[in-house]
Amino acid sequence: MHLDGDESHGEPENLAYGCRSCNARLAHAFKRIGAGVRTRQYNPSSGVPTFGQYMWAVTHHTRKSRDEGGAIIHATPKSKRIEYAQRIADIKRSRRDAVPF
């Protein structure tokens, strides 16, 4: 953890070891007194792929290849991948049930 609350100051005298709980307490204390610099998180601006984009990626992706389909799949958050997989399963189920014997 950074003792002055600024991650850009990486000098050894500004660094200390601390557990996650201690680091969180220190961060809250810095926020309360208005000191330090908040962590900047990476949030992609392109947004979450739509269901249509995800479907295209799933149908065109080849396992263990670094293709565009894989990039779309990996850009989709896990919660959305689960939601999309359930929708795909529902579509397959409805198609299977609609076929007369």
PDB file of N, CA and C in Angstrom:
ATOM      1  N   MET A   1       0.840  -1.168   0.000  1.00  0.00           N
ATOM      2  CA  MET A   1       0.000   0.000   0.000  1.00  0.00           C
ATOM      3  C   MET A   1       0.890   1.239   0.000  1.00  0.00           C
ATOM      4  N   HIS A   2       0.342   2.326  -0.483  1.00  0.00           N
ATOM      5  CA  HIS A   2       1.070   3.592  -0.549  1.00  0.00           C
ATOM      6  C   HIS A   2       0.701   4.444   0.661  1.00  0.00           C
ATOM      7  N   LEU A   3       1.693   4.822   1.429  1.00  0.00           N
ATOM      8  CA  LEU A   3       1.440   5.514   2.694  1.00  0.00           C
ATOM      9  C   LEU A   3       0.852   6.906   2.520  1.00  0.00           C
ATOM     10  N   ASP A   4       1.143   7.555   1.367  1.00  0.00           N
ATOM     11  CA  ASP A   4       0.570   8.884   1.168  1.00  0.00           C
ATOM     12  C   ASP A   4      -0.708   8.835   0.329  1.00  0.00           C
ATOM     13  N   GLY A   5      -1.124   7.626  -0.087  1.00  0.00           N
ATOM     14  CA  GLY A   5      -2.369   7.465  -0.823  1.00  0.00           C
ATOM     15  C   GLY A   5      -2.266   7.746  -2.306  1.00  0.00           C
ATOM     16  N   ASP A   6      -1.067   7.957  -2.836  1.00  0.00           N
ATOM     17  CA  ASP A   6      -0.877   8.261  -4.256  1.00  0.00           C
ATOM     18  C   ASP A   6      -0.053   7.155  -4.903  1.00  0.00           C
ATOM     19  N   GLU A   7      -0.671   6.394  -5.818  1.00  0.00           N
ATOM     20  CA  GLU A   7       0.002   5.265  -6.448  1.00  0.00           C
ATOM     21  C   GLU A   7       1.164   5.676  -7.344  1.00  0.00           C
ATOM     22  N   SER A   8       1.204   6.921  -7.756  1.00  0.00           N
ATOM     23  CA  SER A   8       2.298   7.350  -8.623  1.00  0.00           C
ATOM     24  C   SER A   8       3.604   7.527  -7.843  1.00  0.00           C
ATOM     25  N   HIS A   9       3.521   7.578  -6.520  1.00  0.00           N
ATOM     26  CA  HIS A   9       4.728   7.678  -5.694  1.00  0.00           C
ATOM     27  C   HIS A   9       5.152   6.276  -5.269  1.00  0.00           C
ATOM     28  N   GLY A  10       6.022   5.665  -6.058  1.00  0.00           N
ATOM     29  CA  GLY A  10       6.419   4.289  -5.802  1.00  0.00           C
ATOM     30  C   GLY A  10       7.745   4.137  -5.091  1.00  0.00           C
ATOM     31  N   GLU A  11       8.233   5.197  -4.442  1.00  0.00           N
ATOM     32  CA  GLU A  11       9.498   5.112  -3.723  1.00  0.00           C
ATOM     33  C   GLU A  11       9.369   4.124  -2.564  1.00  0.00           C
ATOM     34  N   PRO A  12      10.451   3.398  -2.255  1.00  0.00           N
ATOM     35  CA  PRO A  12      10.394   2.392  -1.188  1.00  0.00           C
ATOM     36  C   PRO A  12       9.925   2.949   0.156  1.00  0.00           C
ATOM     37  N   GLU A  13      10.286   4.187   0.484  1.00  0.00           N
ATOM     38  CA  GLU A  13       9.871   4.739   1.783  1.00  0.00           C
ATOM     39  C   GLU A  13       8.372   5.071   1.830  1.00  0.00           C
ATOM     40  N   ASN A  14       7.707   5.080   0.662  1.00  0.00           N
ATOM     41  CA  ASN A  14       6.272   5.357   0.604  1.00  0.00           C
ATOM     42  C   ASN A  14       5.452   4.065   0.556  1.00  0.00           C
ATOM     43  N   LEU A  15       6.109   2.912   0.504  1.00  0.00           N
ATOM     44  CA  LEU A  15       5.408   1.633   0.378  1.00  0.00           C
ATOM     45  C   LEU A  15       5.437   0.873   1.691  1.00  0.00           C
ATOM     46  N   ALA A  16       4.360   0.173   1.962  1.00  0.00           N
ATOM     47  CA  ALA A  16       4.282  -0.677   3.148  1.00  0.00           C
ATOM     48  C   ALA A  16       3.410  -1.876   2.816  1.00  0.00           C
ATOM     49  N   TYR A  17       3.619  -2.979   3.525  1.00  0.00           N
ATOM     50  CA  TYR A  17       2.790  -4.153   3.347  1.00  0.00           C
ATOM     51  C   TYR A  17       1.569  -4.036   4.233  1.00  0.00           C
ATOM     52  N   GLY A  18       0.431  -4.443   3.684  1.00  0.00           N
ATOM     53  CA  GLY A  18      -0.798  -4.415   4.455  1.00  0.00           C
ATOM     54  C   GLY A  18      -1.803  -5.375   3.849  1.00  0.00           C
ATOM     55  N   CYS A  19      -2.664  -5.898   4.667  1.00  0.00           N
ATOM     56  CA  CYS A  19      -3.699  -6.792   4.167  1.00  0.00           C
ATOM     57  C   CYS A  19      -4.762  -5.977   3.416  1.00  0.00           C
ATOM     58  N   ARG A  20      -5.646  -6.659   2.782  1.00  0.00           N
ATOM     59  CA  ARG A  20      -6.701  -6.002   2.012  1.00  0.00           C
ATOM     60  C   ARG A  20      -7.562  -5.109   2.900  1.00  0.00           C
ATOM     61  N   SER A  21      -7.884  -5.603   4.080  1.00  0.00           N
ATOM     62  CA  SER A  21      -8.704  -4.840   5.013  1.00  0.00           C
ATOM     63  C   SER A  21      -8.007  -3.539   5.428  1.00  0.00           C
ATOM     64  N   CYS A  22      -6.715  -3.649   5.754  1.00  0.00           N
ATOM     65  CA  CYS A  22      -5.959  -2.451   6.168  1.00  0.00           C
ATOM     66  C   CYS A  22      -5.861  -1.449   5.016  1.00  0.00           C
ATOM     67  N   ASN A  23      -5.653  -1.960   3.819  1.00  0.00           N
ATOM     68  CA  ASN A  23      -5.559  -1.087   2.656  1.00  0.00           C
ATOM     69  C   ASN A  23      -6.886  -0.352   2.425  1.00  0.00           C
ATOM     70  N   ALA A  24      -7.996  -1.060   2.589  1.00  0.00           N
ATOM     71  CA  ALA A  24      -9.311  -0.444   2.418  1.00  0.00           C
ATOM     72  C   ALA A  24      -9.549   0.620   3.493  1.00  0.00           C
ATOM     73  N   ARG A  25      -9.167   0.341   4.723  1.00  0.00           N
ATOM     74  CA  ARG A  25      -9.337   1.321   5.802  1.00  0.00           C
ATOM     75  C   ARG A  25      -8.518   2.573   5.529  1.00  0.00           C
ATOM     76  N   LEU A  26      -7.295   2.378   5.060  1.00  0.00           N
ATOM     77  CA  LEU A  26      -6.446   3.515   4.738  1.00  0.00           C
ATOM     78  C   LEU A  26      -7.057   4.340   3.601  1.00  0.00           C
ATOM     79  N   ALA A  27      -7.586   3.656   2.587  1.00  0.00           N
ATOM     80  CA  ALA A  27      -8.214   4.350   1.463  1.00  0.00           C
ATOM     81  C   ALA A  27      -9.415   5.168   1.931  1.00  0.00           C
ATOM     82  N   HIS A  28     -10.234   4.592   2.824  1.00  0.00           N
ATOM     83  CA  HIS A  28     -11.401   5.315   3.346  1.00  0.00           C
ATOM     84  C   HIS A  28     -10.982   6.524   4.186  1.00  0.00           C
ATOM     85  N   ALA A  29      -9.915   6.346   4.941  1.00  0.00           N
ATOM     86  CA  ALA A  29      -9.416   7.461   5.751  1.00  0.00           C
ATOM     87  C   ALA A  29      -8.919   8.597   4.860  1.00  0.00           C
ATOM     88  N   PHE A  30      -8.174   8.261   3.795  1.00  0.00           N
ATOM     89  CA  PHE A  30      -7.704   9.284   2.863  1.00  0.00           C
ATOM     90  C   PHE A  30      -8.880   9.995   2.186  1.00  0.00           C
ATOM     91  N   LYS A  31      -9.906   9.236   1.824  1.00  0.00           N
ATOM     92  CA  LYS A  31     -11.080   9.845   1.192  1.00  0.00           C
ATOM     93  C   LYS A  31     -11.771  10.798   2.168  1.00  0.00           C
ATOM     94  N   ARG A  32     -11.909  10.373   3.419  1.00  0.00           N
ATOM     95  CA  ARG A  32     -12.586  11.174   4.431  1.00  0.00           C
ATOM     96  C   ARG A  32     -11.893  12.521   4.645  1.00  0.00           C
ATOM     97  N   ILE A  33     -10.550  12.508   4.654  1.00  0.00           N
ATOM     98  CA  ILE A  33      -9.828  13.766   4.893  1.00  0.00           C
ATOM     99  C   ILE A  33      -9.465  14.497   3.607  1.00  0.00           C
ATOM    100  N   GLY A  34      -9.819  13.897   2.461  1.00  0.00           N
ATOM    101  CA  GLY A  34      -9.561  14.556   1.177  1.00  0.00           C
ATOM    102  C   GLY A  34      -8.122  14.479   0.720  1.00  0.00           C
ATOM    103  N   ALA A  35      -7.380  13.493   1.179  1.00  0.00           N
ATOM    104  CA  ALA A  35      -5.976  13.330   0.784  1.00  0.00           C
ATOM    105  C   ALA A  35      -5.845  12.148  -0.174  1.00  0.00           C
ATOM    106  N   GLY A  36      -4.695  12.038  -0.793  1.00  0.00           N
ATOM    107  CA  GLY A  36      -4.429  10.912  -1.675  1.00  0.00           C
ATOM    108  C   GLY A  36      -5.109  11.068  -3.022  1.00  0.00           C
ATOM    109  N   VAL A  37      -4.928  10.071  -3.849  1.00  0.00           N
ATOM    110  CA  VAL A  37      -5.499  10.052  -5.193  1.00  0.00           C
ATOM    111  C   VAL A  37      -6.270   8.754  -5.348  1.00  0.00           C
ATOM    112  N   ARG A  38      -7.518   8.827  -5.770  1.00  0.00           N
ATOM    113  CA  ARG A  38      -8.340   7.632  -5.952  1.00  0.00           C
ATOM    114  C   ARG A  38      -7.796   6.794  -7.097  1.00  0.00           C
ATOM    115  N   THR A  39      -7.962   5.495  -7.012  1.00  0.00           N
ATOM    116  CA  THR A  39      -7.512   4.577  -8.052  1.00  0.00           C
ATOM    117  C   THR A  39      -8.343   4.787  -9.304  1.00  0.00           C
ATOM    118  N   ARG A  40      -7.683   4.820 -10.433  1.00  0.00           N
ATOM    119  CA  ARG A  40      -8.376   4.956 -11.712  1.00  0.00           C
ATOM    120  C   ARG A  40      -8.571   3.568 -12.297  1.00  0.00           C
ATOM    121  N   GLN A  41      -9.811   3.168 -12.424  1.00  0.00           N
ATOM    122  CA  GLN A  41     -10.101   1.844 -12.951  1.00  0.00           C
ATOM    123  C   GLN A  41     -10.253   1.909 -14.455  1.00  0.00           C
ATOM    124  N   TYR A  42      -9.883   0.822 -15.110  1.00  0.00           N
ATOM    125  CA  TYR A  42     -10.034   0.730 -16.560  1.00  0.00           C
ATOM    126  C   TYR A  42     -11.448   0.279 -16.875  1.00  0.00           C
ATOM    127  N   ASN A  43     -12.186   1.121 -17.541  1.00  0.00           N
ATOM    128  CA  ASN A  43     -13.533   0.784 -17.990  1.00  0.00           C
ATOM    129  C   ASN A  43     -13.588   1.024 -19.493  1.00  0.00           C
ATOM    130  N   PRO A  44     -13.645  -0.037 -20.274  1.00  0.00           N
ATOM    131  CA  PRO A  44     -13.658   0.144 -21.727  1.00  0.00           C
ATOM    132  C   PRO A  44     -14.837   0.996 -22.168  1.00  0.00           C
ATOM    133  N   SER A  45     -14.604   1.861 -23.119  1.00  0.00           N
ATOM    134  CA  SER A  45     -15.651   2.773 -23.575  1.00  0.00           C
ATOM    135  C   SER A  45     -16.536   2.156 -24.648  1.00  0.00           C
ATOM    136  N   SER A  46     -16.115   1.032 -25.211  1.00  0.00           N
ATOM    137  CA  SER A  46     -16.885   0.445 -26.307  1.00  0.00           C
ATOM    138  C   SER A  46     -18.189  -0.180 -25.831  1.00  0.00           C
ATOM    139  N   GLY A  47     -18.317  -0.428 -24.554  1.00  0.00           N
ATOM    140  CA  GLY A  47     -19.551  -0.976 -24.019  1.00  0.00           C
ATOM    141  C   GLY A  47     -19.613  -2.489 -24.126  1.00  0.00           C
ATOM    142  N   VAL A  48     -20.706  -3.037 -23.679  1.00  0.00           N
ATOM    143  CA  VAL A  48     -20.907  -4.477 -23.673  1.00  0.00           C
ATOM    144  C   VAL A  48     -21.440  -4.907 -25.034  1.00  0.00           C
ATOM    145  N   PRO A  49     -20.880  -5.972 -25.621  1.00  0.00           N
ATOM    146  CA  PRO A  49     -21.406  -6.458 -26.894  1.00  0.00           C
ATOM    147  C   PRO A  49     -22.879  -6.846 -26.768  1.00  0.00           C
ATOM    148  N   THR A  50     -23.627  -6.586 -27.819  1.00  0.00           N
ATOM    149  CA  THR A  50     -25.048  -6.935 -27.824  1.00  0.00           C
ATOM    150  C   THR A  50     -25.206  -8.440 -27.994  1.00  0.00           C
ATOM    151  N   PHE A  51     -26.442  -8.910 -27.820  1.00  0.00           N
ATOM    152  CA  PHE A  51     -26.720 -10.331 -27.987  1.00  0.00           C
ATOM    153  C   PHE A  51     -26.419 -10.770 -29.419  1.00  0.00           C
ATOM    154  N   GLY A  52     -26.759  -9.948 -30.390  1.00  0.00           N
ATOM    155  CA  GLY A  52     -26.476 -10.274 -31.793  1.00  0.00           C
ATOM    156  C   GLY A  52     -24.984 -10.384 -32.069  1.00  0.00           C
ATOM    157  N   GLN A  53     -24.212  -9.453 -31.533  1.00  0.00           N
ATOM    158  CA  GLN A  53     -22.761  -9.510 -31.698  1.00  0.00           C
ATOM    159  C   GLN A  53     -22.193 -10.761 -31.032  1.00  0.00           C
ATOM    160  N   TYR A  54     -22.714 -11.085 -29.855  1.00  0.00           N
ATOM    161  CA  TYR A  54     -22.241 -12.267 -29.128  1.00  0.00           C
ATOM    162  C   TYR A  54     -22.581 -13.541 -29.908  1.00  0.00           C
ATOM    163  N   MET A  55     -23.793 -13.606 -30.460  1.00  0.00           N
ATOM    164  CA  MET A  55     -24.190 -14.769 -31.262  1.00  0.00           C
ATOM    165  C   MET A  55     -23.255 -14.938 -32.455  1.00  0.00           C
ATOM    166  N   TRP A  56     -22.957 -13.826 -33.136  1.00  0.00           N
ATOM    167  CA  TRP A  56     -22.045 -13.891 -34.278  1.00  0.00           C
ATOM    168  C   TRP A  56     -20.688 -14.428 -33.823  1.00  0.00           C
ATOM    169  N   ALA A  57     -20.197 -13.920 -32.701  1.00  0.00           N
ATOM    170  CA  ALA A  57     -18.884 -14.325 -32.193  1.00  0.00           C
ATOM    171  C   ALA A  57     -18.859 -15.807 -31.851  1.00  0.00           C
ATOM    172  N   VAL A  58     -19.918 -16.298 -31.213  1.00  0.00           N
ATOM    173  CA  VAL A  58     -19.974 -17.706 -30.820  1.00  0.00           C
ATOM    174  C   VAL A  58     -19.987 -18.607 -32.054  1.00  0.00           C
ATOM    175  N   THR A  59     -20.684 -18.207 -33.084  1.00  0.00           N
ATOM    176  CA  THR A  59     -20.778 -19.049 -34.277  1.00  0.00           C
ATOM    177  C   THR A  59     -19.531 -18.972 -35.160  1.00  0.00           C
ATOM    178  N   HIS A  60     -18.753 -17.916 -35.057  1.00  0.00           N
ATOM    179  CA  HIS A  60     -17.584 -17.757 -35.919  1.00  0.00           C
ATOM    180  C   HIS A  60     -16.245 -17.985 -35.227  1.00  0.00           C
ATOM    181  N   HIS A  61     -16.253 -18.146 -33.915  1.00  0.00           N
ATOM    182  CA  HIS A  61     -14.996 -18.304 -33.170  1.00  0.00           C
ATOM    183  C   HIS A  61     -14.487 -19.738 -33.251  1.00  0.00           C
ATOM    184  N   THR A  62     -13.179 -19.878 -33.426  1.00  0.00           N
ATOM    185  CA  THR A  62     -12.517 -21.175 -33.385  1.00  0.00           C
ATOM    186  C   THR A  62     -11.704 -21.242 -32.107  1.00  0.00           C
ATOM    187  N   ARG A  63     -11.864 -22.314 -31.363  1.00  0.00           N
ATOM    188  CA  ARG A  63     -11.150 -22.444 -30.084  1.00  0.00           C
ATOM    189  C   ARG A  63      -9.654 -22.304 -30.259  1.00  0.00           C
ATOM    190  N   LYS A  64      -9.032 -21.661 -29.283  1.00  0.00           N
ATOM    191  CA  LYS A  64      -7.588 -21.453 -29.199  1.00  0.00           C
ATOM    192  C   LYS A  64      -7.023 -20.637 -30.356  1.00  0.00           C
ATOM    193  N   SER A  65      -7.884 -19.911 -31.052  1.00  0.00           N
ATOM    194  CA  SER A  65      -7.388 -19.006 -32.084  1.00  0.00           C
ATOM    195  C   SER A  65      -7.668 -17.578 -31.639  1.00  0.00           C
ATOM    196  N   ARG A  66      -6.817 -16.692 -32.024  1.00  0.00           N
ATOM    197  CA  ARG A  66      -6.977 -15.288 -31.630  1.00  0.00           C
ATOM    198  C   ARG A  66      -7.706 -14.553 -32.759  1.00  0.00           C
ATOM    199  N   ASP A  67      -9.007 -14.799 -32.821  1.00  0.00           N
ATOM    200  CA  ASP A  67      -9.797 -14.196 -33.882  1.00  0.00           C
ATOM    201  C   ASP A  67     -10.761 -13.156 -33.318  1.00  0.00           C
ATOM    202  N   GLU A  68     -11.512 -12.527 -34.201  1.00  0.00           N
ATOM    203  CA  GLU A  68     -12.429 -11.466 -33.792  1.00  0.00           C
ATOM    204  C   GLU A  68     -13.546 -11.992 -32.890  1.00  0.00           C
ATOM    205  N   GLY A  69     -13.998 -13.216 -33.161  1.00  0.00           N
ATOM    206  CA  GLY A  69     -15.038 -13.811 -32.328  1.00  0.00           C
ATOM    207  C   GLY A  69     -14.578 -13.976 -30.891  1.00  0.00           C
ATOM    208  N   GLY A  70     -13.350 -14.430 -30.711  1.00  0.00           N
ATOM    209  CA  GLY A  70     -12.804 -14.590 -29.369  1.00  0.00           C
ATOM    210  C   GLY A  70     -12.667 -13.262 -28.646  1.00  0.00           C
ATOM    211  N   ALA A  71     -12.304 -12.221 -29.400  1.00  0.00           N
ATOM    212  CA  ALA A  71     -12.171 -10.893 -28.795  1.00  0.00           C
ATOM    213  C   ALA A  71     -13.519 -10.401 -28.278  1.00  0.00           C
ATOM    214  N   ILE A  72     -14.575 -10.645 -29.032  1.00  0.00           N
ATOM    215  CA  ILE A  72     -15.917 -10.218 -28.611  1.00  0.00           C
ATOM    216  C   ILE A  72     -16.358 -11.018 -27.384  1.00  0.00           C
ATOM    217  N   ILE A  73     -16.101 -12.321 -27.403  1.00  0.00           N
ATOM    218  CA  ILE A  73     -16.486 -13.168 -26.271  1.00  0.00           C
ATOM    219  C   ILE A  73     -15.769 -12.704 -25.004  1.00  0.00           C
ATOM    220  N   HIS A  74     -14.475 -12.433 -25.112  1.00  0.00           N
ATOM    221  CA  HIS A  74     -13.707 -12.016 -23.936  1.00  0.00           C
ATOM    222  C   HIS A  74     -14.039 -10.592 -23.496  1.00  0.00           C
ATOM    223  N   ALA A  75     -14.575  -9.774 -24.400  1.00  0.00           N
ATOM    224  CA  ALA A  75     -14.971  -8.414 -24.032  1.00  0.00           C
ATOM    225  C   ALA A  75     -16.318  -8.388 -23.317  1.00  0.00           C
ATOM    226  N   THR A  76     -17.030  -9.509 -23.361  1.00  0.00           N
ATOM    227  CA  THR A  76     -18.341  -9.604 -22.718  1.00  0.00           C
ATOM    228  C   THR A  76     -18.158 -10.002 -21.259  1.00  0.00           C
ATOM    229  N   PRO A  77     -18.700  -9.235 -20.318  1.00  0.00           N
ATOM    230  CA  PRO A  77     -18.582  -9.591 -18.896  1.00  0.00           C
ATOM    231  C   PRO A  77     -19.199 -10.960 -18.608  1.00  0.00           C
ATOM    232  N   LYS A  78     -18.680 -11.633 -17.601  1.00  0.00           N
ATOM    233  CA  LYS A  78     -19.134 -12.984 -17.279  1.00  0.00           C
ATOM    234  C   LYS A  78     -20.638 -13.037 -17.034  1.00  0.00           C
ATOM    235  N   SER A  79     -21.179 -12.054 -16.350  1.00  0.00           N
ATOM    236  CA  SER A  79     -22.621 -12.064 -16.066  1.00  0.00           C
ATOM    237  C   SER A  79     -23.437 -12.004 -17.354  1.00  0.00           C
ATOM    238  N   LYS A  80     -22.956 -11.225 -18.329  1.00  0.00           N
ATOM    239  CA  LYS A  80     -23.658 -11.139 -19.616  1.00  0.00           C
ATOM    240  C   LYS A  80     -23.485 -12.420 -20.418  1.00  0.00           C
ATOM    241  N   ARG A  81     -22.284 -13.050 -20.342  1.00  0.00           N
ATOM    242  CA  ARG A  81     -22.069 -14.313 -21.059  1.00  0.00           C
ATOM    243  C   ARG A  81     -23.037 -15.371 -20.550  1.00  0.00           C
ATOM    244  N   ILE A  82     -23.265 -15.396 -19.230  1.00  0.00           N
ATOM    245  CA  ILE A  82     -24.207 -16.357 -18.650  1.00  0.00           C
ATOM    246  C   ILE A  82     -25.616 -16.064 -19.149  1.00  0.00           C
ATOM    247  N   GLU A  83     -25.994 -14.795 -19.133  1.00  0.00           N
ATOM    248  CA  GLU A  83     -27.324 -14.402 -19.617  1.00  0.00           C
ATOM    249  C   GLU A  83     -27.506 -14.782 -21.089  1.00  0.00           C
ATOM    250  N   TYR A  84     -26.496 -14.472 -21.914  1.00  0.00           N
ATOM    251  CA  TYR A  84     -26.576 -14.787 -23.340  1.00  0.00           C
ATOM    252  C   TYR A  84     -26.608 -16.294 -23.571  1.00  0.00           C
ATOM    253  N   ALA A  85     -25.853 -17.067 -22.810  1.00  0.00           N
ATOM    254  CA  ALA A  85     -25.856 -18.524 -22.950  1.00  0.00           C
ATOM    255  C   ALA A  85     -27.235 -19.090 -22.620  1.00  0.00           C
ATOM    256  N   GLN A  86     -27.899 -18.525 -21.617  1.00  0.00           N
ATOM    257  CA  GLN A  86     -29.249 -18.978 -21.277  1.00  0.00           C
ATOM    258  C   GLN A  86     -30.224 -18.653 -22.404  1.00  0.00           C
ATOM    259  N   ARG A  87     -30.066 -17.471 -23.012  1.00  0.00           N
ATOM    260  CA  ARG A  87     -30.937 -17.110 -24.139  1.00  0.00           C
ATOM    261  C   ARG A  87     -30.708 -18.034 -25.328  1.00  0.00           C
ATOM    262  N   ILE A  88     -29.444 -18.381 -25.592  1.00  0.00           N
ATOM    263  CA  ILE A  88     -29.133 -19.304 -26.688  1.00  0.00           C
ATOM    264  C   ILE A  88     -29.751 -20.669 -26.413  1.00  0.00           C
ATOM    265  N   ALA A  89     -29.643 -21.150 -25.175  1.00  0.00           N
ATOM    266  CA  ALA A  89     -30.231 -22.441 -24.802  1.00  0.00           C
ATOM    267  C   ALA A  89     -31.745 -22.404 -24.965  1.00  0.00           C
ATOM    268  N   ASP A  90     -32.387 -21.286 -24.606  1.00  0.00           N
ATOM    269  CA  ASP A  90     -33.838 -21.158 -24.774  1.00  0.00           C
ATOM    270  C   ASP A  90     -34.223 -21.208 -26.247  1.00  0.00           C
ATOM    271  N   ILE A  91     -33.436 -20.543 -27.089  1.00  0.00           N
ATOM    272  CA  ILE A  91     -33.708 -20.554 -28.535  1.00  0.00           C
ATOM    273  C   ILE A  91     -33.582 -21.970 -29.073  1.00  0.00           C
ATOM    274  N   LYS A  92     -32.505 -22.679 -28.696  1.00  0.00           N
ATOM    275  CA  LYS A  92     -32.316 -24.055 -29.158  1.00  0.00           C
ATOM    276  C   LYS A  92     -33.453 -24.955 -28.675  1.00  0.00           C
ATOM    277  N   ARG A  93     -33.859 -24.764 -27.425  1.00  0.00           N
ATOM    278  CA  ARG A  93     -34.931 -25.572 -26.856  1.00  0.00           C
ATOM    279  C   ARG A  93     -36.245 -25.330 -27.601  1.00  0.00           C
ATOM    280  N   SER A  94     -36.541 -24.085 -27.912  1.00  0.00           N
ATOM    281  CA  SER A  94     -37.800 -23.782 -28.612  1.00  0.00           C
ATOM    282  C   SER A  94     -37.776 -24.336 -30.036  1.00  0.00           C
ATOM    283  N   ARG A  95     -36.628 -24.329 -30.678  1.00  0.00           N
ATOM    284  CA  ARG A  95     -36.513 -24.902 -32.031  1.00  0.00           C
ATOM    285  C   ARG A  95     -36.667 -26.410 -31.994  1.00  0.00           C
ATOM    286  N   ARG A  96     -36.084 -27.055 -30.967  1.00  0.00           N
ATOM    287  CA  ARG A  96     -36.168 -28.505 -30.822  1.00  0.00           C
ATOM    288  C   ARG A  96     -37.616 -28.923 -30.569  1.00  0.00           C
ATOM    289  N   ASP A  97     -38.321 -28.160 -29.737  1.00  0.00           N
ATOM    290  CA  ASP A  97     -39.701 -28.486 -29.397  1.00  0.00           C
ATOM    291  C   ASP A  97     -40.656 -28.224 -30.544  1.00  0.00           C
ATOM    292  N   ALA A  98     -40.295 -27.336 -31.470  1.00  0.00           N
ATOM    293  CA  ALA A  98     -41.171 -26.972 -32.570  1.00  0.00           C
ATOM    294  C   ALA A  98     -41.120 -27.957 -33.727  1.00  0.00           C
ATOM    295  N   VAL A  99     -40.120 -28.847 -33.754  1.00  0.00           N
ATOM    296  CA  VAL A  99     -39.978 -29.803 -34.859  1.00  0.00           C
ATOM    297  C   VAL A  99     -40.958 -30.956 -34.659  1.00  0.00           C
ATOM    298  N   PRO A 100     -41.881 -31.149 -35.618  1.00  0.00           N
ATOM    299  CA  PRO A 100     -42.828 -32.256 -35.499  1.00  0.00           C
ATOM    300  C   PRO A 100     -42.170 -33.590 -35.899  1.00  0.00           C
ATOM    301  N   PHE A 101     -42.620 -34.663 -35.285  1.00  0.00           N
ATOM    302  CA  PHE A 101     -42.071 -36.000 -35.600  1.00  0.00           C
ATOM    303  C   PHE A 101     -42.951 -36.722 -36.545  1.00  0.00           C
TER     304      PHE A 101
END
